[in-house]
Amino acid sequence: MSNVEYPKALKRTINVLSKEESYQSLCHRHYPDQPMPSVYVMREIVDLIREIIFPGYFGNSPTRPGSVQYYIGVNVETLYEKLRQQIFAGLCFGCSDANKFEMADAKKHAADLTVKFIDRLPDIRFSMSTDVEAAFLGDPAAQSRAEVIFCYPAIKAITNYRIAHALLQFGVPLIPRIISEMAHSETGIDIHPRAVIGNSFTIDHGTGVVIGATSIIGSNVKIYQGVTLGAKSFPMDENGNPIKGIDRHPIVEDNVVIYAQATILGRITIGSNSIIGGNVWITSDVAPNSKVIQEKYRFGGFMGGDGI
């Protein structure tokens, strides 16, 4: 292709890409004066929250008794400003009609939501303290709680989840999913922010874990790598579209252990104090105090199954 032909080829491509039918399903209409959420800023916010929850491990905040309140105060004030702006951007992003969107009301709502979230931070810290303890006690290789906090990908993923879940509970749009997907991309652990998870939760190794949106997990639950708490095929409406908003993921009660690569699907209940072995496939309820393992054939082969 000659130098003369390049501008013509580029113009043809530009013309095709500019046709509305080619982008209408992929385009976000960005109204004037409405900011877009920033993944870069959200990373800063999550790092700041991590620094507040775990003083002395992240960032540069000293932990001396005489100065810790000052540095937490500085971080909380910074968090308020950054998070308020991002929540406002999330509210703007969800606006489909600029004529019905009141900027002043949205800014006030964003400020109120930010204050509510910051008020939740002590509860998030307490939950994380139980998660760290569960990870430390549940892993013989862990040398200290400090190692768990500083190094374990599960703690990073669970921290992001607990932050995102709190924001979602307050009705913050889009931002919770951004936060949870940050952890997913960094750790390989996929926890939907809508899932409900009790205290003392731990994930050993973690890569490949999937916890669906309507999952409910009790307290003192431990799961291993590759575990899926997922949904079966979606029911369809009369138009052939998947029906959303229904409870379609498992309930896992207290004190359950789920070993690697187990797949648990549908709105079923795994009863308390049960042990789910590796590589099993479960689509029906498991009674409390059960032990579900692969069935062993006489010929030495193995079959994955419900085991119930």
C-alpha atoms as a PDB file:
ATOM      1  CA  MET A   1       0.000   0.000   0.000  1.00  0.00           C
ATOM      2  CA  SER A   2       1.430   3.356  -1.049  1.00  0.00           C
ATOM      3  CA  ASN A   3       1.703   6.407   1.200  1.00  0.00           C
ATOM      4  CA  VAL A   4      -1.137   7.976  -0.786  1.00  0.00           C
ATOM      5  CA  GLU A   5      -3.488   5.053  -0.033  1.00  0.00           C
ATOM      6  CA  TYR A   6      -2.970   5.084   3.757  1.00  0.00           C
ATOM      7  CA  PRO A   7      -5.162   8.166   4.431  1.00  0.00           C
ATOM      8  CA  LYS A   8      -7.950   6.664   2.315  1.00  0.00           C
ATOM      9  CA  ALA A   9      -7.825   3.358   4.224  1.00  0.00           C
ATOM     10  CA  LEU A  10      -7.834   5.131   7.573  1.00  0.00           C
ATOM     11  CA  LYS A  11     -10.767   7.285   6.523  1.00  0.00           C
ATOM     12  CA  ARG A  12     -12.765   4.201   5.505  1.00  0.00           C
ATOM     13  CA  THR A  13     -12.132   2.620   8.894  1.00  0.00           C
ATOM     14  CA  ILE A  14     -13.069   5.829  10.710  1.00  0.00           C
ATOM     15  CA  ASN A  15     -16.302   6.050   8.739  1.00  0.00           C
ATOM     16  CA  VAL A  16     -17.241   2.463   9.602  1.00  0.00           C
ATOM     17  CA  LEU A  17     -16.400   2.894  13.304  1.00  0.00           C
ATOM     18  CA  SER A  18     -18.404   6.126  13.445  1.00  0.00           C
ATOM     19  CA  LYS A  19     -21.663   4.539  12.300  1.00  0.00           C
ATOM     20  CA  GLU A  20     -24.060   4.377  15.236  1.00  0.00           C
ATOM     21  CA  GLU A  21     -25.165   0.820  14.544  1.00  0.00           C
ATOM     22  CA  SER A  22     -21.583  -0.362  15.049  1.00  0.00           C
ATOM     23  CA  TYR A  23     -21.160   1.107  18.545  1.00  0.00           C
ATOM     24  CA  GLN A  24     -24.619   1.704  20.021  1.00  0.00           C
ATOM     25  CA  SER A  25     -24.496  -1.410  22.227  1.00  0.00           C
ATOM     26  CA  LEU A  26     -20.925  -0.625  23.363  1.00  0.00           C
ATOM     27  CA  CYS A  27     -21.079   3.125  23.893  1.00  0.00           C
ATOM     28  CA  HIS A  28     -21.580   4.949  27.185  1.00  0.00           C
ATOM     29  CA  ARG A  29     -23.173   8.367  26.738  1.00  0.00           C
ATOM     30  CA  HIS A  30     -21.101  10.741  28.788  1.00  0.00           C
ATOM     31  CA  TYR A  31     -23.057  13.846  29.755  1.00  0.00           C
ATOM     32  CA  PRO A  32     -21.308  17.203  30.355  1.00  0.00           C
ATOM     33  CA  ASP A  33     -19.960  17.831  33.897  1.00  0.00           C
ATOM     34  CA  GLN A  34     -20.529  14.210  34.916  1.00  0.00           C
ATOM     35  CA  PRO A  35     -17.236  12.504  35.889  1.00  0.00           C
ATOM     36  CA  MET A  36     -16.386   8.928  35.022  1.00  0.00           C
ATOM     37  CA  PRO A  37     -15.242   6.473  37.717  1.00  0.00           C
ATOM     38  CA  SER A  38     -11.476   5.970  37.712  1.00  0.00           C
ATOM     39  CA  VAL A  39      -9.981   2.527  38.250  1.00  0.00           C
ATOM     40  CA  TYR A  40      -6.665   4.232  39.032  1.00  0.00           C
ATOM     41  CA  VAL A  41      -8.228   6.307  41.833  1.00  0.00           C
ATOM     42  CA  MET A  42     -10.143   3.273  43.113  1.00  0.00           C
ATOM     43  CA  ARG A  43      -6.827   1.460  43.548  1.00  0.00           C
ATOM     44  CA  GLU A  44      -5.608   4.387  45.642  1.00  0.00           C
ATOM     45  CA  ILE A  45      -8.798   4.231  47.711  1.00  0.00           C
ATOM     46  CA  VAL A  46      -8.522   0.498  48.373  1.00  0.00           C
ATOM     47  CA  ASP A  47      -4.859   0.877  49.341  1.00  0.00           C
ATOM     48  CA  LEU A  48      -5.837   3.681  51.703  1.00  0.00           C
ATOM     49  CA  ILE A  49      -8.553   1.564  53.322  1.00  0.00           C
ATOM     50  CA  ARG A  50      -6.095  -1.319  53.652  1.00  0.00           C
ATOM     51  CA  GLU A  51      -3.701   1.067  55.412  1.00  0.00           C
ATOM     52  CA  ILE A  52      -6.464   2.138  57.826  1.00  0.00           C
ATOM     53  CA  ILE A  53      -7.591  -1.432  58.569  1.00  0.00           C
ATOM     54  CA  PHE A  54      -4.064  -2.804  58.998  1.00  0.00           C
ATOM     55  CA  PRO A  55      -1.997   0.021  60.554  1.00  0.00           C
ATOM     56  CA  GLY A  56       1.714  -0.322  60.029  1.00  0.00           C
ATOM     57  CA  TYR A  57       1.535  -2.920  57.236  1.00  0.00           C
ATOM     58  CA  PHE A  58       0.737  -0.720  54.264  1.00  0.00           C
ATOM     59  CA  GLY A  59       1.621   2.869  53.449  1.00  0.00           C
ATOM     60  CA  ASN A  60       3.834   5.014  55.668  1.00  0.00           C
ATOM     61  CA  SER A  61       1.664   5.531  58.756  1.00  0.00           C
ATOM     62  CA  PRO A  62       3.590   5.037  62.029  1.00  0.00           C
ATOM     63  CA  THR A  63       1.904   2.912  64.675  1.00  0.00           C
ATOM     64  CA  ARG A  64       3.274   4.582  67.798  1.00  0.00           C
ATOM     65  CA  PRO A  65       0.474   5.151  70.335  1.00  0.00           C
ATOM     66  CA  GLY A  66       1.085   8.879  70.343  1.00  0.00           C
ATOM     67  CA  SER A  67       0.762   9.304  66.588  1.00  0.00           C
ATOM     68  CA  VAL A  68      -1.562   6.574  65.325  1.00  0.00           C
ATOM     69  CA  GLN A  69      -4.708   8.653  65.831  1.00  0.00           C
ATOM     70  CA  TYR A  70      -3.239  11.533  63.849  1.00  0.00           C
ATOM     71  CA  TYR A  71      -2.255   9.365  60.887  1.00  0.00           C
ATOM     72  CA  ILE A  72      -5.547   7.464  60.857  1.00  0.00           C
ATOM     73  CA  GLY A  73      -7.309  10.820  60.951  1.00  0.00           C
ATOM     74  CA  VAL A  74      -5.325  12.085  57.967  1.00  0.00           C
ATOM     75  CA  ASN A  75      -6.038   8.884  56.045  1.00  0.00           C
ATOM     76  CA  VAL A  76      -9.753   8.940  56.858  1.00  0.00           C
ATOM     77  CA  GLU A  77     -10.049  12.555  55.684  1.00  0.00           C
ATOM     78  CA  THR A  78      -8.223  11.705  52.450  1.00  0.00           C
ATOM     79  CA  LEU A  79     -10.433   8.654  52.028  1.00  0.00           C
ATOM     80  CA  TYR A  80     -13.559  10.761  52.458  1.00  0.00           C
ATOM     81  CA  GLU A  81     -12.581  13.151  49.661  1.00  0.00           C
ATOM     82  CA  LYS A  82     -11.466  10.489  47.203  1.00  0.00           C
ATOM     83  CA  LEU A  83     -14.308   8.059  47.850  1.00  0.00           C
ATOM     84  CA  ARG A  84     -16.972  10.765  47.787  1.00  0.00           C
ATOM     85  CA  GLN A  85     -15.833  11.795  44.308  1.00  0.00           C
ATOM     86  CA  GLN A  86     -15.813   8.215  43.043  1.00  0.00           C
ATOM     87  CA  ILE A  87     -19.239   7.421  44.468  1.00  0.00           C
ATOM     88  CA  PHE A  88     -20.545  10.575  42.798  1.00  0.00           C
ATOM     89  CA  ALA A  89     -18.981   9.393  39.528  1.00  0.00           C
ATOM     90  CA  GLY A  90     -20.683   6.021  40.016  1.00  0.00           C
ATOM     91  CA  LEU A  91     -24.032   7.722  40.512  1.00  0.00           C
ATOM     92  CA  CYS A  92     -23.433   9.753  37.356  1.00  0.00           C
ATOM     93  CA  PHE A  93     -22.472   6.631  35.421  1.00  0.00           C
ATOM     94  CA  GLY A  94     -25.810   5.021  36.253  1.00  0.00           C
ATOM     95  CA  CYS A  95     -27.774   8.004  34.967  1.00  0.00           C
ATOM     96  CA  SER A  96     -29.575   7.253  31.709  1.00  0.00           C
ATOM     97  CA  ASP A  97     -31.344  10.605  31.384  1.00  0.00           C
ATOM     98  CA  ALA A  98     -29.404  13.832  32.028  1.00  0.00           C
ATOM     99  CA  ASN A  99     -32.636  15.801  32.305  1.00  0.00           C
ATOM    100  CA  LYS A 100     -33.727  13.751  35.317  1.00  0.00           C
ATOM    101  CA  PHE A 101     -30.346  13.810  37.072  1.00  0.00           C
ATOM    102  CA  GLU A 102     -29.907  16.462  39.757  1.00  0.00           C
ATOM    103  CA  MET A 103     -26.176  17.089  40.225  1.00  0.00           C
ATOM    104  CA  ALA A 104     -26.557  18.793  43.614  1.00  0.00           C
ATOM    105  CA  ASP A 105     -28.694  15.954  44.980  1.00  0.00           C
ATOM    106  CA  ALA A 106     -26.218  13.378  43.683  1.00  0.00           C
ATOM    107  CA  LYS A 107     -23.270  15.158  45.314  1.00  0.00           C
ATOM    108  CA  LYS A 108     -25.070  15.251  48.663  1.00  0.00           C
ATOM    109  CA  HIS A 109     -26.083  11.604  48.317  1.00  0.00           C
ATOM    110  CA  ALA A 110     -22.463  10.666  47.538  1.00  0.00           C
ATOM    111  CA  ALA A 111     -21.269  12.515  50.646  1.00  0.00           C
ATOM    112  CA  ASP A 112     -23.883  10.767  52.819  1.00  0.00           C
ATOM    113  CA  LEU A 113     -22.955   7.341  51.442  1.00  0.00           C
ATOM    114  CA  THR A 114     -19.268   8.022  52.051  1.00  0.00           C
ATOM    115  CA  VAL A 115     -19.900   8.909  55.687  1.00  0.00           C
ATOM    116  CA  LYS A 116     -21.987   5.747  56.154  1.00  0.00           C
ATOM    117  CA  PHE A 117     -19.210   3.636  54.678  1.00  0.00           C
ATOM    118  CA  ILE A 118     -16.509   5.209  56.845  1.00  0.00           C
ATOM    119  CA  ASP A 119     -18.720   4.562  59.865  1.00  0.00           C
ATOM    120  CA  ARG A 120     -18.627   0.875  58.892  1.00  0.00           C
ATOM    121  CA  LEU A 121     -14.796   0.663  58.906  1.00  0.00           C
ATOM    122  CA  PRO A 122     -14.500  -0.566  62.531  1.00  0.00           C
ATOM    123  CA  ASP A 123     -16.841  -3.463  61.692  1.00  0.00           C
ATOM    124  CA  ILE A 124     -14.826  -4.288  58.572  1.00  0.00           C
ATOM    125  CA  ARG A 125     -11.623  -4.255  60.615  1.00  0.00           C
ATOM    126  CA  PHE A 126     -13.154  -6.626  63.174  1.00  0.00           C
ATOM    127  CA  SER A 127     -14.297  -9.047  60.449  1.00  0.00           C
ATOM    128  CA  MET A 128     -10.853  -8.934  58.870  1.00  0.00           C
ATOM    129  CA  SER A 129      -9.233  -9.677  62.230  1.00  0.00           C
ATOM    130  CA  THR A 130     -11.275 -12.886  62.419  1.00  0.00           C
ATOM    131  CA  ASP A 131     -10.367 -13.771  58.824  1.00  0.00           C
ATOM    132  CA  VAL A 132      -6.649 -13.268  59.533  1.00  0.00           C
ATOM    133  CA  GLU A 133      -6.908 -15.431  62.640  1.00  0.00           C
ATOM    134  CA  ALA A 134      -8.699 -18.168  60.688  1.00  0.00           C
ATOM    135  CA  ALA A 135      -6.021 -18.112  57.981  1.00  0.00           C
ATOM    136  CA  PHE A 136      -3.200 -18.226  60.536  1.00  0.00           C
ATOM    137  CA  LEU A 137      -4.687 -21.060  62.587  1.00  0.00           C
ATOM    138  CA  GLY A 138      -5.732 -22.987  59.490  1.00  0.00           C
ATOM    139  CA  ASP A 139      -2.374 -22.977  57.707  1.00  0.00           C
ATOM    140  CA  PRO A 140       0.530 -24.854  59.338  1.00  0.00           C
ATOM    141  CA  ALA A 141       2.902 -23.048  56.958  1.00  0.00           C
ATOM    142  CA  ALA A 142       1.958 -19.614  58.309  1.00  0.00           C
ATOM    143  CA  GLN A 143       4.744 -18.344  60.550  1.00  0.00           C
ATOM    144  CA  SER A 144       2.866 -15.344  61.925  1.00  0.00           C
ATOM    145  CA  ARG A 145      -0.264 -13.273  61.586  1.00  0.00           C
ATOM    146  CA  ALA A 146       1.937 -10.570  60.081  1.00  0.00           C
ATOM    147  CA  GLU A 147       2.883 -12.941  57.256  1.00  0.00           C
ATOM    148  CA  VAL A 148      -0.796 -13.665  56.628  1.00  0.00           C
ATOM    149  CA  ILE A 149      -1.719  -9.974  56.458  1.00  0.00           C
ATOM    150  CA  PHE A 150       1.223  -8.926  54.352  1.00  0.00           C
ATOM    151  CA  CYS A 151       1.525 -11.846  51.940  1.00  0.00           C
ATOM    152  CA  TYR A 152      -1.589 -13.964  51.592  1.00  0.00           C
ATOM    153  CA  PRO A 153      -3.658 -13.325  48.440  1.00  0.00           C
ATOM    154  CA  ALA A 154      -6.791 -14.548  50.219  1.00  0.00           C
ATOM    155  CA  ILE A 155      -6.550 -11.689  52.713  1.00  0.00           C
ATOM    156  CA  LYS A 156      -6.256  -9.198  49.847  1.00  0.00           C
ATOM    157  CA  ALA A 157      -9.289 -10.700  48.092  1.00  0.00           C
ATOM    158  CA  ILE A 158     -11.395 -10.916  51.248  1.00  0.00           C
ATOM    159  CA  THR A 159     -10.481  -7.333  52.205  1.00  0.00           C
ATOM    160  CA  ASN A 160     -11.628  -6.104  48.789  1.00  0.00           C
ATOM    161  CA  TYR A 161     -14.777  -8.174  49.132  1.00  0.00           C
ATOM    162  CA  ARG A 162     -15.664  -6.768  52.560  1.00  0.00           C
ATOM    163  CA  ILE A 163     -15.089  -3.203  51.332  1.00  0.00           C
ATOM    164  CA  ALA A 164     -17.152  -3.790  48.188  1.00  0.00           C
ATOM    165  CA  HIS A 165     -19.914  -5.598  50.069  1.00  0.00           C
ATOM    166  CA  ALA A 166     -20.351  -2.715  52.516  1.00  0.00           C
ATOM    167  CA  LEU A 167     -20.573  -0.198  49.672  1.00  0.00           C
ATOM    168  CA  LEU A 168     -23.102  -2.374  47.852  1.00  0.00           C
ATOM    169  CA  GLN A 169     -25.236  -2.640  50.988  1.00  0.00           C
ATOM    170  CA  PHE A 170     -25.499   1.150  50.985  1.00  0.00           C
ATOM    171  CA  GLY A 171     -26.649   1.128  47.358  1.00  0.00           C
ATOM    172  CA  VAL A 172     -23.460   2.418  45.755  1.00  0.00           C
ATOM    173  CA  PRO A 173     -23.547   1.526  42.028  1.00  0.00           C
ATOM    174  CA  LEU A 174     -20.666   0.155  39.925  1.00  0.00           C
ATOM    175  CA  ILE A 175     -17.865   0.969  42.415  1.00  0.00           C
ATOM    176  CA  PRO A 176     -18.249  -2.288  44.417  1.00  0.00           C
ATOM    177  CA  ARG A 177     -17.841  -4.385  41.287  1.00  0.00           C
ATOM    178  CA  ILE A 178     -14.738  -2.440  40.280  1.00  0.00           C
ATOM    179  CA  ILE A 179     -13.214  -3.153  43.698  1.00  0.00           C
ATOM    180  CA  SER A 180     -14.005  -6.870  43.627  1.00  0.00           C
ATOM    181  CA  GLU A 181     -12.670  -7.265  40.082  1.00  0.00           C
ATOM    182  CA  MET A 182      -9.406  -5.597  41.131  1.00  0.00           C
ATOM    183  CA  ALA A 183      -8.829  -8.434  43.583  1.00  0.00           C
ATOM    184  CA  HIS A 184      -9.979 -10.989  41.009  1.00  0.00           C
ATOM    185  CA  SER A 185      -7.398  -9.805  38.479  1.00  0.00           C
ATOM    186  CA  GLU A 186      -4.623  -9.720  41.086  1.00  0.00           C
ATOM    187  CA  THR A 187      -5.322 -12.964  42.969  1.00  0.00           C
ATOM    188  CA  GLY A 188      -7.455 -15.195  40.762  1.00  0.00           C
ATOM    189  CA  ILE A 189     -10.099 -15.213  43.508  1.00  0.00           C
ATOM    190  CA  ASP A 190     -13.523 -14.114  42.266  1.00  0.00           C
ATOM    191  CA  ILE A 191     -15.911 -13.055  45.053  1.00  0.00           C
ATOM    192  CA  HIS A 192     -19.008 -11.183  43.984  1.00  0.00           C
ATOM    193  CA  PRO A 193     -19.645  -8.214  46.298  1.00  0.00           C
ATOM    194  CA  ARG A 194     -23.308  -9.204  46.718  1.00  0.00           C
ATOM    195  CA  ALA A 195     -22.387 -12.513  48.367  1.00  0.00           C
ATOM    196  CA  VAL A 196     -22.939 -12.676  52.149  1.00  0.00           C
ATOM    197  CA  ILE A 197     -19.986 -14.072  54.101  1.00  0.00           C
ATOM    198  CA  GLY A 198     -19.674 -14.484  57.861  1.00  0.00           C
ATOM    199  CA  ASN A 199     -16.637 -13.975  60.075  1.00  0.00           C
ATOM    200  CA  SER A 200     -13.585 -16.232  60.356  1.00  0.00           C
ATOM    201  CA  PHE A 201     -13.617 -16.950  56.623  1.00  0.00           C
ATOM    202  CA  THR A 202     -10.486 -18.215  54.936  1.00  0.00           C
ATOM    203  CA  ILE A 203      -9.397 -19.383  51.499  1.00  0.00           C
ATOM    204  CA  ASP A 204      -6.297 -21.581  51.311  1.00  0.00           C
ATOM    205  CA  HIS A 205      -4.124 -20.956  48.219  1.00  0.00           C
ATOM    206  CA  GLY A 206      -7.135 -19.444  46.494  1.00  0.00           C
ATOM    207  CA  THR A 207      -6.483 -19.401  42.761  1.00  0.00           C
ATOM    208  CA  GLY A 208      -9.610 -20.253  40.785  1.00  0.00           C
ATOM    209  CA  VAL A 209     -12.119 -19.777  43.600  1.00  0.00           C
ATOM    210  CA  VAL A 210     -15.510 -18.468  42.419  1.00  0.00           C
ATOM    211  CA  ILE A 211     -18.206 -17.270  44.838  1.00  0.00           C
ATOM    212  CA  GLY A 212     -21.385 -16.204  43.067  1.00  0.00           C
ATOM    213  CA  ALA A 213     -23.558 -13.176  43.768  1.00  0.00           C
ATOM    214  CA  THR A 214     -26.317 -14.808  45.811  1.00  0.00           C
ATOM    215  CA  SER A 215     -24.076 -17.160  47.788  1.00  0.00           C
ATOM    216  CA  ILE A 216     -24.508 -17.146  51.565  1.00  0.00           C
ATOM    217  CA  ILE A 217     -21.561 -18.378  53.638  1.00  0.00           C
ATOM    218  CA  GLY A 218     -21.707 -18.778  57.404  1.00  0.00           C
ATOM    219  CA  SER A 219     -18.978 -18.304  59.981  1.00  0.00           C
ATOM    220  CA  ASN A 220     -15.782 -20.326  60.318  1.00  0.00           C
ATOM    221  CA  VAL A 221     -15.853 -21.646  56.753  1.00  0.00           C
ATOM    222  CA  LYS A 222     -12.686 -22.687  54.946  1.00  0.00           C
ATOM    223  CA  ILE A 223     -12.411 -23.324  51.216  1.00  0.00           C
ATOM    224  CA  TYR A 224      -9.483 -24.356  49.041  1.00  0.00           C
ATOM    225  CA  GLN A 225      -8.311 -23.458  45.547  1.00  0.00           C
ATOM    226  CA  GLY A 226     -10.560 -24.043  42.561  1.00  0.00           C
ATOM    227  CA  VAL A 227     -13.803 -24.235  44.540  1.00  0.00           C
ATOM    228  CA  THR A 228     -16.899 -22.970  42.728  1.00  0.00           C
ATOM    229  CA  LEU A 229     -20.051 -21.815  44.474  1.00  0.00           C
ATOM    230  CA  GLY A 230     -21.978 -21.292  41.281  1.00  0.00           C
ATOM    231  CA  ALA A 231     -25.343 -21.417  39.563  1.00  0.00           C
ATOM    232  CA  LYS A 232     -26.894 -23.972  37.271  1.00  0.00           C
ATOM    233  CA  SER A 233     -28.280 -22.931  33.890  1.00  0.00           C
ATOM    234  CA  PHE A 234     -30.389 -19.775  34.001  1.00  0.00           C
ATOM    235  CA  PRO A 235     -34.189 -19.991  33.694  1.00  0.00           C
ATOM    236  CA  MET A 236     -35.521 -17.997  30.742  1.00  0.00           C
ATOM    237  CA  ASP A 237     -38.502 -15.680  30.456  1.00  0.00           C
ATOM    238  CA  GLU A 238     -41.110 -15.815  27.675  1.00  0.00           C
ATOM    239  CA  ASN A 239     -38.791 -13.808  25.415  1.00  0.00           C
ATOM    240  CA  GLY A 240     -35.857 -16.152  25.844  1.00  0.00           C
ATOM    241  CA  ASN A 241     -33.898 -13.807  28.102  1.00  0.00           C
ATOM    242  CA  PRO A 242     -32.273 -15.072  31.338  1.00  0.00           C
ATOM    243  CA  ILE A 243     -34.256 -14.228  34.477  1.00  0.00           C
ATOM    244  CA  LYS A 244     -32.047 -12.240  36.816  1.00  0.00           C
ATOM    245  CA  GLY A 245     -32.389 -11.305  40.465  1.00  0.00           C
ATOM    246  CA  ILE A 246     -33.224 -14.789  41.729  1.00  0.00           C
ATOM    247  CA  ASP A 247     -31.326 -16.708  44.421  1.00  0.00           C
ATOM    248  CA  ARG A 248     -29.311 -19.188  42.386  1.00  0.00           C
ATOM    249  CA  HIS A 249     -26.121 -19.878  44.381  1.00  0.00           C
ATOM    250  CA  PRO A 250     -25.424 -22.177  47.354  1.00  0.00           C
ATOM    251  CA  ILE A 251     -25.865 -21.593  51.070  1.00  0.00           C
ATOM    252  CA  VAL A 252     -22.904 -22.843  53.102  1.00  0.00           C
ATOM    253  CA  GLU A 253     -23.609 -23.049  56.819  1.00  0.00           C
ATOM    254  CA  ASP A 254     -21.157 -22.633  59.713  1.00  0.00           C
ATOM    255  CA  ASN A 255     -17.989 -24.670  60.245  1.00  0.00           C
ATOM    256  CA  VAL A 256     -17.811 -26.171  56.748  1.00  0.00           C
ATOM    257  CA  VAL A 257     -14.591 -27.156  54.946  1.00  0.00           C
ATOM    258  CA  ILE A 258     -14.645 -27.424  51.135  1.00  0.00           C
ATOM    259  CA  TYR A 259     -11.569 -28.973  49.527  1.00  0.00           C
ATOM    260  CA  ALA A 260      -9.934 -28.161  46.197  1.00  0.00           C
ATOM    261  CA  GLN A 261     -11.852 -28.162  42.902  1.00  0.00           C
ATOM    262  CA  ALA A 262     -15.222 -28.957  44.462  1.00  0.00           C
ATOM    263  CA  THR A 263     -18.120 -27.625  42.374  1.00  0.00           C
ATOM    264  CA  ILE A 264     -21.322 -26.754  44.224  1.00  0.00           C
ATOM    265  CA  LEU A 265     -24.160 -25.491  42.050  1.00  0.00           C
ATOM    266  CA  GLY A 266     -27.639 -24.082  42.528  1.00  0.00           C
ATOM    267  CA  ARG A 267     -29.656 -22.859  45.503  1.00  0.00           C
ATOM    268  CA  ILE A 268     -28.778 -25.763  47.747  1.00  0.00           C
ATOM    269  CA  THR A 269     -27.613 -25.895  51.359  1.00  0.00           C
ATOM    270  CA  ILE A 270     -24.385 -27.397  52.655  1.00  0.00           C
ATOM    271  CA  GLY A 271     -25.229 -28.187  56.274  1.00  0.00           C
ATOM    272  CA  SER A 272     -23.104 -27.030  59.179  1.00  0.00           C
ATOM    273  CA  ASN A 273     -20.001 -28.967  60.293  1.00  0.00           C
ATOM    274  CA  SER A 274     -19.778 -30.779  56.929  1.00  0.00           C
ATOM    275  CA  ILE A 275     -16.652 -31.678  54.976  1.00  0.00           C
ATOM    276  CA  ILE A 276     -16.778 -31.539  51.177  1.00  0.00           C
ATOM    277  CA  GLY A 277     -13.986 -33.494  49.518  1.00  0.00           C
ATOM    278  CA  GLY A 278     -11.999 -32.434  46.479  1.00  0.00           C
ATOM    279  CA  ASN A 279     -13.244 -32.727  42.890  1.00  0.00           C
ATOM    280  CA  VAL A 280     -16.850 -33.530  43.804  1.00  0.00           C
ATOM    281  CA  TRP A 281     -19.894 -32.163  41.976  1.00  0.00           C
ATOM    282  CA  ILE A 282     -22.844 -31.288  44.212  1.00  0.00           C
ATOM    283  CA  THR A 283     -26.288 -30.142  43.057  1.00  0.00           C
ATOM    284  CA  SER A 284     -28.489 -31.199  45.987  1.00  0.00           C
ATOM    285  CA  ASP A 285     -28.614 -30.436  49.711  1.00  0.00           C
ATOM    286  CA  VAL A 286     -26.046 -31.866  52.092  1.00  0.00           C
ATOM    287  CA  ALA A 287     -27.219 -32.598  55.638  1.00  0.00           C
ATOM    288  CA  PRO A 288     -25.331 -31.151  58.605  1.00  0.00           C
ATOM    289  CA  ASN A 289     -22.328 -33.143  59.873  1.00  0.00           C
ATOM    290  CA  SER A 290     -21.911 -34.879  56.490  1.00  0.00           C
ATOM    291  CA  LYS A 291     -18.724 -35.974  54.755  1.00  0.00           C
ATOM    292  CA  VAL A 292     -18.939 -35.937  50.959  1.00  0.00           C
ATOM    293  CA  ILE A 293     -16.139 -37.627  49.004  1.00  0.00           C
ATOM    294  CA  GLN A 294     -15.607 -39.246  45.640  1.00  0.00           C
ATOM    295  CA  GLU A 295     -17.010 -42.747  45.356  1.00  0.00           C
ATOM    296  CA  LYS A 296     -14.330 -45.368  44.823  1.00  0.00           C
ATOM    297  CA  TYR A 297     -14.968 -48.189  42.346  1.00  0.00           C
ATOM    298  CA  ARG A 298     -13.895 -51.744  43.032  1.00  0.00           C
ATOM    299  CA  PHE A 299     -11.556 -51.558  40.044  1.00  0.00           C
ATOM    300  CA  GLY A 300      -9.650 -48.677  41.597  1.00  0.00           C
ATOM    301  CA  GLY A 301     -11.171 -45.920  39.472  1.00  0.00           C
ATOM    302  CA  PHE A 302     -12.718 -42.785  40.855  1.00  0.00           C
ATOM    303  CA  MET A 303     -15.986 -41.102  40.099  1.00  0.00           C
ATOM    304  CA  GLY A 304     -16.902 -37.559  41.054  1.00  0.00           C
ATOM    305  CA  GLY A 305     -20.473 -37.279  42.197  1.00  0.00           C
ATOM    306  CA  ASP A 306     -22.879 -35.782  44.661  1.00  0.00           C
ATOM    307  CA  GLY A 307     -21.766 -38.347  47.198  1.00  0.00           C
ATOM    308  CA  ILE A 308     -25.149 -38.093  48.871  1.00  0.00           C
END
